[in-house]
Structure formats: C-alpha cells, structure tokens
C-alpha cells in the first residue's frame, strides 16, 4: 500500500477548467472520501488519480513516485465502478481471477489469491455461480474481489453503492468498512451520499466547483465547518442558517432577540444544527417560530418552523414537545453550539 499526493492538479476540458489547483496528501492506509454536489469534479479527480483522465497541470505522486504521465496499467491502482462490469458467461471464480489469468499468473497461485479474497468477502459459497444468480450486493462484492486479487497500491471506488437499494447500501457500507479494517489499504471513495462519507471515512474532502472547500474528519466537518457551503452540505437535515448582525457585544436576529457574541469579526449569518435547539414558550430563547410542518421519522421527529424575516428553522424535537401546526413556540439555541459566518461565508 502507498501514499498518494496531489500537487496543484488542474483539469481543463477545452477552455473549461473543472479541477482548479487541488493540493491533497493521502496517507498510507487512509480511507479518504470525496463528496460534493453533482458537477463539483469529484469523479473527474478520481479518474485523474487512476490515469483515466489526463492531468492538465500539476503532479500526481503515488508512493513518492511521479505518476502524472503514467498509463493506468503502470499505477498499480484498482478501481471499482458504479457498474459491476462482470462477465456474464463466467463464474464468480473466473471473474475474480480474470486479470490474473490475463497477466499470465499460474493457475495454483491464481486459485490461492481468489480463495483468499473470497474468504475476506464471504463469497466462498458462490464461487461457481454466474453473476445472474447473485444479488446486487454479491455482484458488487465480486467486483471488489476482482480488485483485491491484484494486490493493488490503493483502491479507488467511484460511487459503488449507488445502484443498490437502501437495505443493500447499509449492508455494503458495513462490508467496505470491514474490508478496510482487514486489509489496511489506502482507499479513495467518491460518493454524493453524505451518510456513506460520515460512516466510512477517516477524512472527508468536500469539493465545491473544482476546489477543496474543506478537508477533515467527519466530526471536524460536522462540528467545525469552515464555511457556509460545508455547514449546509454536511448534516441531514442541514444546518439552519439565519441572517444576523452585530449589536455591540450581542448578535441580533431579524424579528428575534439574539444573544451574547464573543467570536470576533463581522457576523452576517448564524448557523445552528436542528438538534441544538430546544422548544419553550413564546418569548423564551432567541426567536419565536410558528409550527409549519411536522416530519415524523420514527426515531426522530423534525419540526419546521416559520420564523418570519429570519426564514425557516428545522428542529429535532423530543417526543411530546412537538406542538401542533399553527402553534407559536419559542426557540432556545444552545449558546455553546452556535456557528457564525461573515458576509463571504467564512467561519468567524
């Protein structure tokens, strides 16, 4: 396994720049996840690392070796795609061992590698089946197994779970997490699903229009977002953002009461997570809101309040404290969990 480093990498398609000078160091054995909205460049960046897209400028270092101009076959990386891309006429064993057979590996060594990968992925009972006889999750494990047998420098995953239903995605998240623990391999994973990112990653790279908005552990991004983009992208429901202004040593909310301020800078926005708001009587807390919509999700109940000029506020409400549509309620913010952002969207 090896480290991977991106040094000021850029990607241009004609006159359109889609990757805008990305610098990133990935440690050996680290699980890194690229997230961001559609069109932010996360899959393009992964394909550049794999060698499937040419790097317009900058360097890609793999195991301290400049691999920028190397073809995919020389980089020692294994890629798992959204599509399983299995040969339908071959058995699971033949699919997993195909790359080894093509490379001229002896049959005994190939069988040993396939059996070892099948044991890790719990595919032993299915080695003689064909892809049509497998579930979606099993097919994805075969695709992963095909990569494992090559003993790659690193694994690259391009939205591997997006074709699976919700239950299978949960199952495969567990499988991939266990795989990383077992192999200790360097893994780079692209997804638009922040739940996958939060549950799997050692560090998350949040991309915004071809640049890195923030890099950090799931906890760091959730608790200390560097800007408004990250604050609203990480977390479901997303962080509440309200307009605010500075009034001496206090912040003020439109139509609300605000509270003490000691962060410095010039705040233009206040951010607070739904779980950091409690409900009280009208006049209590920082602002009043009228119950607009109640979303019951079993373990959680989310209430969306209309707070007039301050906009909508979502609250994760405790059982029995929800209220009824049209009811006016005071919203009490946890003073230790407030986030403030300036007019350009940077945290202050």
Protein backbone atom coordinates (compact mmCIF):
# COMPACT_ATOMS: atom_id res chain seq x y z
CA UNK A 1 0.00 0.00 0.00
CA UNK A 2 1.17 3.55 -0.59
CA UNK A 3 0.56 7.24 -0.04
CA UNK A 4 -0.90 9.44 -2.78
CA UNK A 5 -0.25 13.16 -3.15
CA UNK A 6 -1.85 15.69 -5.47
CA UNK A 7 0.21 18.81 -6.14
CA UNK A 8 -1.67 21.76 -7.67
CA UNK A 9 -3.50 19.46 -10.11
CA UNK A 10 -5.75 21.02 -12.73
CA UNK A 11 -8.06 19.62 -15.36
CA UNK A 12 -9.23 21.54 -18.39
CA UNK A 13 -11.75 20.44 -21.00
CA UNK A 14 -11.01 22.93 -23.74
CA UNK A 15 -11.49 26.34 -22.17
CA UNK A 16 -13.47 24.98 -19.20
CA UNK A 17 -11.50 24.34 -16.00
CA UNK A 18 -13.16 21.66 -13.87
CA UNK A 19 -10.35 20.98 -11.35
CA UNK A 20 -8.79 24.20 -10.09
CA UNK A 21 -5.42 23.60 -8.47
CA UNK A 22 -6.11 20.86 -5.91
CA UNK A 23 -3.47 20.03 -3.27
CA UNK A 24 -4.08 16.93 -1.16
CA UNK A 25 -1.90 14.43 0.73
CA UNK A 26 -3.37 10.97 1.39
CA UNK A 27 -1.52 8.82 3.92
CA UNK A 28 -0.79 5.12 3.50
CA UNK A 29 -3.79 3.07 4.69
CA UNK A 30 -6.09 6.09 4.92
CA UNK A 31 -9.75 5.97 3.86
CA UNK A 32 -10.48 9.23 2.04
CA UNK A 33 -13.89 10.14 0.65
CA UNK A 34 -14.60 12.83 -1.96
CA UNK A 35 -18.06 14.37 -1.57
CA UNK A 36 -19.84 17.26 -3.17
CA UNK A 37 -22.81 18.14 -5.35
CA UNK A 38 -23.16 16.94 -8.93
CA UNK A 39 -20.66 18.65 -11.20
CA UNK A 40 -18.17 19.55 -8.46
CA UNK A 41 -15.40 17.42 -10.02
CA UNK A 42 -15.15 14.52 -7.57
CA UNK A 43 -15.34 11.71 -10.17
CA UNK A 44 -13.05 13.62 -12.53
CA UNK A 45 -10.47 13.95 -9.76
CA UNK A 46 -10.68 10.22 -9.02
CA UNK A 47 -10.24 9.39 -12.71
CA UNK A 48 -7.19 11.65 -12.85
CA UNK A 49 -5.64 9.69 -9.97
CA UNK A 50 -6.46 6.44 -11.80
CA UNK A 51 -4.95 7.75 -15.05
CA UNK A 52 -8.26 7.53 -16.90
CA UNK A 53 -8.25 11.32 -17.35
CA UNK A 54 -5.14 13.24 -18.36
CA UNK A 55 -3.84 15.76 -15.83
CA UNK A 56 -3.65 19.18 -17.49
CA UNK A 57 -1.28 20.70 -14.91
CA UNK A 58 0.31 19.68 -11.62
CA UNK A 59 1.64 16.38 -10.33
CA UNK A 60 0.17 13.13 -9.04
CA UNK A 61 2.58 11.28 -6.75
CA UNK A 62 1.99 7.61 -5.91
CA UNK A 63 4.34 6.04 -3.35
CA UNK A 64 6.65 9.07 -3.73
CA UNK A 65 6.85 8.43 -7.50
CA UNK A 66 5.69 10.94 -10.10
CA UNK A 67 2.90 9.02 -11.84
CA UNK A 68 1.36 12.01 -13.64
CA UNK A 69 2.22 10.76 -17.12
CA UNK A 70 1.96 7.03 -16.40
CA UNK A 71 -0.85 4.99 -18.01
CA UNK A 72 -3.41 3.33 -15.69
CA UNK A 73 -1.72 -0.07 -16.01
CA UNK A 74 1.51 1.26 -14.50
CA UNK A 75 -0.02 2.97 -11.46
CA UNK A 76 -0.85 -0.21 -9.52
CA UNK A 77 -4.35 1.03 -8.61
CA UNK A 78 -7.60 -0.94 -8.60
CA UNK A 79 -10.85 0.78 -9.46
CA UNK A 80 -14.37 -0.30 -8.53
CA UNK A 81 -17.10 1.37 -10.57
CA UNK A 82 -20.79 2.06 -10.08
CA UNK A 83 -21.39 -0.62 -12.72
CA UNK A 84 -20.25 -4.10 -11.70
CA UNK A 85 -18.88 -4.83 -15.23
CA UNK A 86 -18.83 -8.60 -14.66
CA UNK A 87 -18.56 -11.12 -17.49
CA UNK A 88 -21.99 -12.81 -17.56
CA UNK A 89 -20.70 -16.10 -19.08
CA UNK A 90 -18.00 -16.56 -16.41
CA UNK A 91 -18.36 -17.90 -12.88
CA UNK A 92 -17.53 -15.78 -9.85
CA UNK A 93 -14.16 -17.53 -9.60
CA UNK A 94 -13.39 -16.83 -13.26
CA UNK A 95 -14.47 -13.19 -12.97
CA UNK A 96 -12.29 -12.61 -9.92
CA UNK A 97 -9.27 -14.31 -11.45
CA UNK A 98 -9.59 -12.92 -14.97
CA UNK A 99 -6.99 -10.14 -14.60
CA UNK A 100 -4.51 -12.60 -13.09
CA UNK A 101 -5.07 -15.06 -15.92
CA UNK A 102 -4.54 -12.30 -18.47
CA UNK A 103 -1.28 -11.40 -16.71
CA UNK A 104 -0.05 -14.98 -17.02
CA UNK A 105 -0.26 -15.90 -13.33
CA UNK A 106 0.00 -19.65 -12.72
CA UNK A 107 -3.26 -21.48 -12.02
CA UNK A 108 -2.28 -22.56 -8.49
CA UNK A 109 -1.29 -19.03 -7.45
CA UNK A 110 -4.42 -17.60 -9.06
CA UNK A 111 -6.66 -20.06 -7.19
CA UNK A 112 -4.94 -19.20 -3.92
CA UNK A 113 -5.46 -15.45 -4.41
CA UNK A 114 -9.10 -15.89 -5.45
CA UNK A 115 -9.84 -18.16 -2.47
CA UNK A 116 -8.23 -15.67 -0.08
CA UNK A 117 -10.26 -12.76 -1.48
CA UNK A 118 -13.44 -14.86 -1.43
CA UNK A 119 -12.89 -15.61 2.26
CA UNK A 120 -12.49 -11.92 3.10
CA UNK A 121 -15.66 -11.04 1.16
CA UNK A 122 -17.69 -14.09 2.25
CA UNK A 123 -18.03 -15.26 -1.35
CA UNK A 124 -16.85 -18.85 -0.84
CA UNK A 125 -20.28 -20.49 -1.40
CA UNK A 126 -20.82 -18.53 -4.63
CA UNK A 127 -17.55 -19.12 -6.49
CA UNK A 128 -19.15 -21.47 -9.03
CA UNK A 129 -22.21 -19.31 -9.67
CA UNK A 130 -22.61 -16.85 -12.51
CA UNK A 131 -23.45 -13.15 -11.99
CA UNK A 132 -27.13 -13.62 -12.94
CA UNK A 133 -27.54 -15.93 -9.93
CA UNK A 134 -26.26 -13.30 -7.45
CA UNK A 135 -27.88 -10.40 -5.66
CA UNK A 136 -26.77 -6.82 -6.30
CA UNK A 137 -24.69 -6.76 -3.14
CA UNK A 138 -23.00 -10.05 -4.02
CA UNK A 139 -22.16 -8.78 -7.50
CA UNK A 140 -20.58 -5.68 -6.02
CA UNK A 141 -18.51 -7.87 -3.70
CA UNK A 142 -17.32 -9.85 -6.73
CA UNK A 143 -16.27 -6.59 -8.39
CA UNK A 144 -14.35 -5.65 -5.24
CA UNK A 145 -12.84 -9.14 -5.07
CA UNK A 146 -11.60 -8.79 -8.64
CA UNK A 147 -9.62 -5.78 -7.41
CA UNK A 148 -8.33 -7.41 -4.22
CA UNK A 149 -6.65 -10.32 -6.02
CA UNK A 150 -4.37 -7.87 -7.83
CA UNK A 151 -2.90 -6.66 -4.51
CA UNK A 152 -3.10 -3.03 -5.65
CA UNK A 153 -1.28 0.02 -4.31
CA UNK A 154 -4.65 1.59 -3.49
CA UNK A 155 -8.37 1.08 -4.13
CA UNK A 156 -10.45 3.68 -5.96
CA UNK A 157 -14.24 3.49 -5.58
CA UNK A 158 -16.49 5.53 -7.89
CA UNK A 159 -19.98 5.61 -6.30
CA UNK A 160 -20.00 1.81 -5.92
CA UNK A 161 -23.28 1.63 -3.97
CA UNK A 162 -25.48 3.98 -5.97
CA UNK A 163 -27.16 1.13 -7.89
CA UNK A 164 -28.20 -0.71 -4.72
CA UNK A 165 -31.42 -0.33 -2.75
CA UNK A 166 -31.38 1.25 0.71
CA UNK A 167 -31.05 -2.01 2.66
CA UNK A 168 -28.20 -3.27 0.46
CA UNK A 169 -26.38 0.06 0.74
CA UNK A 170 -26.36 -0.29 4.53
CA UNK A 171 -25.08 -3.86 4.22
CA UNK A 172 -22.34 -2.91 1.75
CA UNK A 173 -21.23 0.07 3.84
CA UNK A 174 -20.54 -2.42 6.61
CA UNK A 175 -18.73 -4.76 4.20
CA UNK A 176 -16.49 -1.98 2.88
CA UNK A 177 -15.71 -0.72 6.39
CA UNK A 178 -14.72 -4.24 7.47
CA UNK A 179 -12.69 -4.67 4.28
CA UNK A 180 -10.68 -1.55 5.07
CA UNK A 181 -10.06 -2.76 8.62
CA UNK A 182 -8.95 -6.17 7.34
CA UNK A 183 -6.70 -5.02 4.50
CA UNK A 184 -5.44 -1.74 5.96
CA UNK A 185 -5.42 -0.50 2.38
CA UNK A 186 -5.33 3.04 1.07
CA UNK A 187 -8.83 3.76 -0.25
CA UNK A 188 -10.26 6.74 -2.12
CA UNK A 189 -14.03 6.73 -2.44
CA UNK A 190 -16.35 9.04 -4.38
CA UNK A 191 -19.97 9.49 -3.32
CA UNK A 192 -22.73 12.08 -3.28
CA UNK A 193 -24.22 10.35 -0.21
CA UNK A 194 -23.02 12.11 2.93
CA UNK A 195 -24.16 9.18 5.11
CA UNK A 196 -21.61 6.97 3.34
CA UNK A 197 -18.99 9.67 3.83
CA UNK A 198 -19.72 10.20 7.52
CA UNK A 199 -19.79 6.49 8.37
CA UNK A 200 -16.82 5.26 6.31
CA UNK A 201 -14.18 7.98 6.03
CA UNK A 202 -11.07 8.69 8.07
CA UNK A 203 -11.14 12.08 6.36
CA UNK A 204 -13.65 13.71 4.03
CA UNK A 205 -12.71 16.01 1.16
CA UNK A 206 -15.60 18.37 0.39
CA UNK A 207 -15.37 19.65 -3.18
CA UNK A 208 -17.06 22.78 -4.49
CA UNK A 209 -16.80 23.67 -8.18
CA UNK A 210 -13.40 22.02 -8.65
CA UNK A 211 -11.79 23.30 -5.46
CA UNK A 212 -11.48 21.87 -1.95
CA UNK A 213 -13.88 23.61 0.42
CA UNK A 214 -12.59 21.75 3.49
CA UNK A 215 -10.74 18.57 4.48
CA UNK A 216 -11.18 16.91 7.86
CA UNK A 217 -12.58 14.03 9.85
CA UNK A 218 -16.37 13.57 9.80
CA UNK A 219 -16.55 15.02 13.32
CA UNK A 220 -14.43 18.06 12.39
CA UNK A 221 -16.57 18.88 9.38
CA UNK A 222 -19.80 18.45 11.32
CA UNK A 223 -18.76 20.38 14.42
CA UNK A 224 -16.39 22.97 12.89
CA UNK A 225 -17.37 23.76 9.29
CA UNK A 226 -15.00 26.27 7.70
CA UNK A 227 -17.65 27.96 5.59
CA UNK A 228 -21.34 28.11 4.77
CA UNK A 229 -21.04 25.59 1.94
CA UNK A 230 -19.66 22.85 4.19
CA UNK A 231 -22.02 23.80 7.03
CA UNK A 232 -25.05 23.20 4.83
CA UNK A 233 -23.70 20.24 2.85
CA UNK A 234 -22.66 18.09 5.82
CA UNK A 235 -25.55 17.03 8.04
CA UNK A 236 -29.09 15.85 7.43
CA UNK A 237 -31.21 17.83 7.93
CA UNK A 238 -28.75 20.57 7.03
CA UNK A 239 -27.64 23.25 9.45
CA UNK A 240 -30.09 26.13 9.96
CA UNK A 241 -28.66 29.40 8.63
CA UNK A 242 -30.21 32.66 9.80
CA UNK A 243 -29.24 36.24 8.92
CA UNK A 244 -27.75 38.13 11.86
CA UNK A 245 -25.93 41.35 12.65
CA UNK A 246 -23.62 42.61 15.37
CA UNK A 247 -25.10 44.93 18.01
CA UNK A 248 -22.30 45.82 20.42
CA UNK A 249 -21.41 42.64 22.31
CA UNK A 250 -24.53 40.83 21.08
CA UNK A 251 -25.80 39.36 17.85
CA UNK A 252 -29.25 40.30 16.63
CA UNK A 253 -31.72 38.23 14.58
CA UNK A 254 -34.45 39.78 12.39
CA UNK A 255 -37.63 39.64 14.43
CA UNK A 256 -35.79 37.84 17.25
CA UNK A 257 -33.88 38.53 20.44
CA UNK A 258 -30.39 37.23 19.64
CA UNK A 259 -27.80 36.77 22.38
CA UNK A 260 -24.22 37.37 23.53
CA UNK A 261 -21.42 37.39 20.92
CA UNK A 262 -17.71 36.85 21.54
CA UNK A 263 -16.34 35.38 18.31
CA UNK A 264 -14.77 38.46 16.72
CA UNK A 265 -15.10 39.50 13.09
CA UNK A 266 -18.29 40.71 11.48
CA UNK A 267 -21.00 38.03 11.52
CA UNK A 268 -23.60 38.07 8.77
CA UNK A 269 -25.05 34.59 9.33
CA UNK A 270 -25.75 32.42 12.36
CA UNK A 271 -25.74 28.64 12.00
CA UNK A 272 -27.18 26.05 14.37
CA UNK A 273 -27.92 22.34 13.98
CA UNK A 274 -31.52 21.10 14.45
CA UNK A 275 -30.53 19.01 17.49
CA UNK A 276 -29.09 22.06 19.29
CA UNK A 277 -32.44 23.85 19.58
CA UNK A 278 -35.00 23.21 22.31
CA UNK A 279 -38.58 24.43 22.48
CA UNK A 280 -40.10 26.77 25.03
CA UNK A 281 -42.94 29.21 25.49
CA UNK A 282 -43.25 32.19 23.14
CA UNK A 283 -40.79 34.88 24.22
CA UNK A 284 -38.25 32.35 25.51
CA UNK A 285 -34.98 31.78 23.72
CA UNK A 286 -33.56 33.61 20.72
CA UNK A 287 -36.53 33.76 18.36
CA UNK A 288 -40.16 32.71 18.07
CA UNK A 289 -41.48 30.46 15.34
CA UNK A 290 -44.81 29.08 14.17
CA UNK A 291 -45.07 25.32 13.62
CA UNK A 292 -45.33 24.82 9.86
CA UNK A 293 -44.60 21.14 9.05
CA UNK A 294 -44.02 18.11 11.29
CA UNK A 295 -41.93 15.23 9.88
CA UNK A 296 -42.23 12.02 11.92
CA UNK A 297 -39.43 9.55 11.09
CA UNK A 298 -39.80 7.04 13.90
CA UNK A 299 -36.64 7.53 15.94
CA UNK A 300 -36.65 11.27 15.11
CA UNK A 301 -39.25 13.97 14.72
CA UNK A 302 -38.31 17.12 12.83
CA UNK A 303 -40.39 20.26 13.09
CA UNK A 304 -40.07 23.05 10.54
CA UNK A 305 -40.88 26.50 11.96
CA UNK A 306 -41.73 29.67 10.10
CA UNK A 307 -39.69 32.40 11.79
CA UNK A 308 -40.84 35.30 9.63
CA UNK A 309 -37.98 37.51 8.40
CA UNK A 310 -35.40 35.03 9.74
CA UNK A 311 -36.74 32.30 7.46
CA UNK A 312 -37.42 28.63 8.20
CA UNK A 313 -35.82 26.78 11.11
CA UNK A 314 -35.75 22.99 11.48
CA UNK A 315 -35.69 21.47 15.00
CA UNK A 316 -35.10 17.87 16.05
CA UNK A 317 -37.84 17.74 18.65
CA UNK A 318 -38.19 15.47 21.67
CA UNK A 319 -41.28 13.27 21.96
CA UNK A 320 -44.19 15.18 23.40
CA UNK A 321 -42.63 18.59 22.73
CA UNK A 322 -43.65 18.98 19.10
CA UNK A 323 -46.68 21.23 19.25
CA UNK A 324 -49.33 21.45 16.53
CA UNK A 325 -49.33 23.22 13.15
CA UNK A 326 -50.02 26.93 13.63
CA UNK A 327 -48.79 26.98 17.25
CA UNK A 328 -46.30 29.69 18.22
CA UNK A 329 -43.22 28.47 20.09
CA UNK A 330 -40.02 29.97 21.48
CA UNK A 331 -36.79 28.52 20.05
CA UNK A 332 -33.93 28.25 22.53
CA UNK A 333 -30.46 27.99 20.97
CA UNK A 334 -27.62 26.18 22.73
CA UNK A 335 -25.12 29.06 23.14
CA UNK A 336 -22.14 26.67 23.00
CA UNK A 337 -23.19 25.21 19.63
CA UNK A 338 -23.59 28.37 17.57
CA UNK A 339 -21.65 28.96 14.35
CA UNK A 340 -21.08 32.40 12.84
CA UNK A 341 -20.10 33.25 9.26
CA UNK A 342 -19.11 36.54 7.67
CA UNK A 343 -20.59 38.11 4.55
CA UNK A 344 -18.35 35.99 2.30
CA UNK A 345 -19.45 32.77 4.00
CA UNK A 346 -16.27 32.10 6.01
CA UNK A 347 -16.47 30.98 9.63
CA UNK A 348 -15.63 33.67 12.21
